[in-house]
């Protein structure tokens, strides 16, 4: 302790007249002030610590909860439309490629396997959802016939999407299929999503397995 501080402390504690009671009161006063300053410092430290802790908790909560809320909001804002097949309206297409270009449909169809019949598909609000192509194929003595529906993947169509399918993955794409024997031939349903559209084949064939054939005709 510096000499000037000692002199100041002495002046605070001892009365010039040597009065013990006053000296005692001064000592108590100084100790009280010292303890009060300590408590004030402790209170300030506690306040700073609790504030920092609160900020950390808020940051953690925001980091965990906010992304979940945003993902939930995005999921809620996604548009999904449910249709019965009976609600879908069909209109004949004379020139499929021209129709696809003018409608800005980013789809692939199979003109080389077409019977020549094409239909535009509209929902109950007269909004275009896709296209139907009638399939007729004769390959290596095997006949395939039926139709292909290509429709926007924001639609769920009863009787198609809600069918109980077997599932397998081809080139990282989930392919749903259903095949069963039907007299002297086989019935097939194949459904997969590609580039924002669903491709649904419903065909009869002399072959027991046509899933990969039609999948690659679209994706390759």
Protein backbone atom coordinates (compact mmCIF):
# COMPACT_ATOMS: atom_id res chain seq x y z
CA UNK A 1 0.00 0.00 0.00
CA UNK A 2 1.32 3.43 -0.90
CA UNK A 3 2.10 5.98 1.88
CA UNK A 4 -0.55 8.39 0.72
CA UNK A 5 -3.14 5.60 0.81
CA UNK A 6 -2.05 4.72 4.38
CA UNK A 7 -2.45 8.35 5.45
CA UNK A 8 -5.90 8.49 3.83
CA UNK A 9 -6.99 5.26 5.54
CA UNK A 10 -5.63 6.50 8.89
CA UNK A 11 -7.59 9.72 8.54
CA UNK A 12 -10.73 7.71 7.81
CA UNK A 13 -10.36 5.37 10.77
CA UNK A 14 -8.83 7.35 13.63
CA UNK A 15 -10.33 10.46 15.08
CA UNK A 16 -7.86 13.24 15.80
CA UNK A 17 -9.03 13.30 19.42
CA UNK A 18 -8.47 9.57 19.87
CA UNK A 19 -12.15 8.84 20.42
CA UNK A 20 -12.41 5.04 20.40
CA UNK A 21 -16.15 4.99 19.68
CA UNK A 22 -15.76 7.15 16.61
CA UNK A 23 -12.79 5.05 15.49
CA UNK A 24 -14.91 1.90 15.87
CA UNK A 25 -17.77 3.42 13.89
CA UNK A 26 -15.37 4.43 11.12
CA UNK A 27 -13.98 0.87 10.94
CA UNK A 28 -17.48 -0.60 10.70
CA UNK A 29 -18.41 1.93 8.02
CA UNK A 30 -15.34 1.15 5.90
CA UNK A 31 -15.86 -2.63 6.23
CA UNK A 32 -19.51 -2.24 5.30
CA UNK A 33 -18.62 -0.22 2.23
CA UNK A 34 -15.98 -2.81 1.28
CA UNK A 35 -18.42 -5.70 1.65
CA UNK A 36 -21.04 -3.73 -0.24
CA UNK A 37 -18.62 -3.17 -3.10
CA UNK A 38 -17.81 -6.89 -3.16
CA UNK A 39 -21.50 -7.79 -3.28
CA UNK A 40 -22.05 -5.24 -6.03
CA UNK A 41 -19.20 -6.74 -8.04
CA UNK A 42 -20.57 -10.25 -7.46
CA UNK A 43 -24.04 -9.12 -8.50
CA UNK A 44 -22.67 -7.54 -11.64
CA UNK A 45 -20.74 -10.70 -12.48
CA UNK A 46 -23.85 -12.82 -11.88
CA UNK A 47 -25.91 -10.51 -14.08
CA UNK A 48 -23.35 -10.67 -16.90
CA UNK A 49 -23.10 -14.46 -16.61
CA UNK A 50 -26.88 -14.98 -16.62
CA UNK A 51 -27.25 -12.64 -19.61
CA UNK A 52 -24.60 -14.50 -21.58
CA UNK A 53 -26.17 -17.84 -20.64
CA UNK A 54 -29.58 -16.62 -21.81
CA UNK A 55 -28.13 -15.48 -25.13
CA UNK A 56 -26.44 -18.86 -25.63
CA UNK A 57 -29.71 -20.69 -24.90
CA UNK A 58 -31.64 -18.46 -27.31
CA UNK A 59 -29.01 -19.02 -30.01
CA UNK A 60 -29.15 -22.80 -29.57
CA UNK A 61 -32.97 -22.81 -29.66
CA UNK A 62 -33.02 -20.70 -32.82
CA UNK A 63 -30.38 -22.88 -34.47
CA UNK A 64 -32.41 -26.04 -33.81
CA UNK A 65 -36.03 -24.92 -33.93
CA UNK A 66 -35.94 -22.28 -36.69
CA UNK A 67 -34.78 -24.62 -39.49
CA UNK A 68 -37.46 -27.14 -38.46
CA UNK A 69 -40.12 -24.44 -38.59
CA UNK A 70 -38.91 -23.25 -41.99
CA UNK A 71 -38.90 -26.81 -43.36
CA UNK A 72 -42.38 -27.35 -41.97
CA UNK A 73 -43.54 -24.10 -43.58
CA UNK A 74 -42.02 -25.13 -46.92
CA UNK A 75 -43.69 -28.51 -46.63
CA UNK A 76 -47.02 -26.87 -45.83
CA UNK A 77 -46.69 -24.54 -48.81
CA UNK A 78 -46.08 -27.40 -51.24
CA UNK A 79 -49.00 -27.86 -53.61
CA UNK A 80 -50.52 -31.30 -53.94
CA UNK A 81 -53.66 -32.02 -55.90
CA UNK A 82 -55.76 -35.15 -55.53
CA UNK A 83 -57.81 -36.40 -58.44
CA UNK A 84 -60.08 -39.28 -59.24
CA UNK A 85 -59.51 -40.69 -62.71
CA UNK A 86 -63.14 -39.90 -63.48
CA UNK A 87 -62.38 -36.20 -62.88
CA UNK A 88 -59.74 -36.09 -65.62
CA UNK A 89 -60.85 -34.67 -68.94
CA UNK A 90 -59.27 -35.82 -72.21
CA UNK A 91 -58.91 -33.91 -75.46
CA UNK A 92 -57.47 -35.42 -78.64
CA UNK A 93 -54.08 -34.11 -79.77
CA UNK A 94 -53.39 -34.09 -83.49
CA UNK A 95 -49.73 -33.06 -83.32
CA UNK A 96 -48.13 -34.22 -80.03
CA UNK A 97 -44.74 -32.55 -80.50
CA UNK A 98 -46.32 -29.20 -81.35
CA UNK A 99 -48.63 -29.55 -78.35
CA UNK A 100 -45.67 -30.31 -76.04
CA UNK A 101 -43.70 -27.34 -77.32
CA UNK A 102 -46.57 -24.87 -77.12
CA UNK A 103 -47.53 -26.10 -73.63
CA UNK A 104 -43.92 -25.96 -72.36
CA UNK A 105 -44.08 -29.55 -71.14
CA UNK A 106 -40.66 -30.87 -70.18
CA UNK A 107 -41.57 -34.47 -70.94
CA UNK A 108 -40.37 -37.37 -73.03
CA UNK A 109 -42.86 -39.50 -74.91
CA UNK A 110 -42.49 -42.55 -77.18
CA UNK A 111 -43.63 -41.74 -80.74
CA UNK A 112 -41.89 -44.84 -82.10
CA UNK A 113 -44.18 -47.03 -79.95
CA UNK A 114 -47.37 -45.03 -80.39
CA UNK A 115 -50.56 -46.32 -81.99
CA UNK A 116 -51.13 -42.73 -83.16
CA UNK A 117 -53.61 -41.78 -80.44
CA UNK A 118 -52.71 -38.93 -78.07
CA UNK A 119 -54.81 -37.06 -75.52
CA UNK A 120 -54.21 -33.96 -73.44
CA UNK A 121 -55.12 -34.47 -69.77
CA UNK A 122 -56.88 -31.70 -67.82
CA UNK A 123 -58.06 -31.60 -64.21
CA UNK A 124 -61.57 -30.63 -63.08
CA UNK A 125 -60.57 -26.94 -63.18
CA UNK A 126 -59.54 -27.28 -66.83
CA UNK A 127 -55.84 -26.99 -65.94
CA UNK A 128 -53.44 -28.99 -68.09
CA UNK A 129 -51.73 -31.73 -66.09
CA UNK A 130 -50.14 -33.86 -68.80
CA UNK A 131 -50.59 -36.15 -71.77
CA UNK A 132 -51.78 -39.66 -72.61
CA UNK A 133 -50.18 -41.81 -75.30
CA UNK A 134 -51.59 -45.10 -76.53
CA UNK A 135 -48.82 -47.72 -76.81
CA UNK A 136 -48.58 -50.49 -79.36
CA UNK A 137 -45.27 -52.30 -79.78
CA UNK A 138 -44.15 -55.44 -81.62
CA UNK A 139 -40.60 -56.36 -80.69
CA UNK A 140 -38.91 -59.75 -81.18
CA UNK A 141 -42.25 -61.46 -81.57
CA UNK A 142 -43.63 -59.88 -78.35
CA UNK A 143 -46.59 -57.51 -78.43
CA UNK A 144 -47.05 -54.78 -75.82
CA UNK A 145 -50.20 -52.67 -75.82
CA UNK A 146 -51.88 -50.25 -73.45
CA UNK A 147 -51.19 -46.60 -72.58
CA UNK A 148 -48.74 -44.20 -71.00
CA UNK A 149 -49.83 -41.31 -68.81
CA UNK A 150 -47.40 -38.47 -68.24
CA UNK A 151 -48.60 -36.00 -65.61
CA UNK A 152 -47.31 -33.31 -63.28
CA UNK A 153 -45.81 -34.80 -60.10
CA UNK A 154 -47.78 -32.39 -57.90
CA UNK A 155 -50.86 -34.52 -58.64
CA UNK A 156 -51.89 -37.65 -56.81
CA UNK A 157 -54.38 -39.66 -58.86
CA UNK A 158 -56.57 -42.18 -57.08
CA UNK A 159 -56.28 -45.61 -58.63
CA UNK A 160 -52.71 -44.92 -59.76
CA UNK A 161 -50.56 -43.35 -57.05
CA UNK A 162 -52.43 -45.10 -54.26
CA UNK A 163 -52.04 -48.58 -55.73
CA UNK A 164 -50.00 -51.02 -53.64
CA UNK A 165 -46.89 -51.57 -55.73
CA UNK A 166 -43.68 -53.49 -55.43
CA UNK A 167 -40.73 -51.11 -55.40
CA UNK A 168 -37.17 -51.25 -56.66
CA UNK A 169 -34.48 -48.66 -57.32
CA UNK A 170 -33.02 -48.19 -60.78
CA UNK A 171 -30.30 -45.56 -61.31
CA UNK A 172 -31.22 -43.94 -57.96
CA UNK A 173 -34.86 -43.56 -59.01
CA UNK A 174 -37.66 -45.32 -57.14
CA UNK A 175 -39.65 -47.42 -59.58
CA UNK A 176 -43.01 -48.83 -58.56
CA UNK A 177 -44.41 -51.79 -60.46
CA UNK A 178 -47.13 -54.40 -60.40
CA UNK A 179 -47.03 -57.46 -62.66
CA UNK A 180 -49.25 -60.51 -62.79
CA UNK A 181 -50.20 -63.27 -65.19
CA UNK A 182 -53.34 -62.69 -67.21
CA UNK A 183 -54.30 -65.70 -69.34
CA UNK A 184 -51.64 -66.15 -72.02
CA UNK A 185 -50.00 -62.79 -71.31
CA UNK A 186 -48.99 -60.53 -68.44
CA UNK A 187 -50.48 -57.33 -67.08
CA UNK A 188 -48.07 -54.62 -65.96
CA UNK A 189 -48.27 -51.28 -64.20
CA UNK A 190 -45.13 -49.17 -63.88
CA UNK A 191 -44.88 -45.80 -62.12
CA UNK A 192 -41.90 -43.52 -61.54
CA UNK A 193 -41.06 -39.81 -61.32
CA UNK A 194 -38.63 -38.17 -63.70
CA UNK A 195 -37.82 -34.47 -64.22
CA UNK A 196 -40.92 -33.22 -62.42
CA UNK A 197 -43.40 -35.60 -64.04
CA UNK A 198 -44.85 -38.99 -63.25
CA UNK A 199 -44.74 -41.69 -65.91
CA UNK A 200 -47.40 -44.35 -65.55
CA UNK A 201 -47.49 -47.32 -67.93
CA UNK A 202 -50.42 -49.71 -67.94
CA UNK A 203 -49.65 -52.43 -70.47
CA UNK A 204 -50.41 -55.99 -71.42
CA UNK A 205 -47.42 -57.89 -72.75
CA UNK A 206 -46.21 -61.29 -73.85
CA UNK A 207 -43.19 -60.69 -71.60
CA UNK A 208 -43.18 -61.28 -67.85
CA UNK A 209 -40.74 -58.44 -67.20
CA UNK A 210 -40.93 -55.09 -68.99
CA UNK A 211 -40.14 -52.71 -66.12
CA UNK A 212 -36.55 -51.83 -67.02
CA UNK A 213 -37.32 -51.70 -70.74
CA UNK A 214 -39.86 -48.89 -70.39
CA UNK A 215 -37.96 -47.14 -67.62
CA UNK A 216 -34.89 -46.78 -69.84
CA UNK A 217 -36.94 -45.75 -72.87
CA UNK A 218 -37.90 -42.64 -70.87
CA UNK A 219 -34.72 -41.93 -68.89
CA UNK A 220 -32.09 -42.64 -71.57
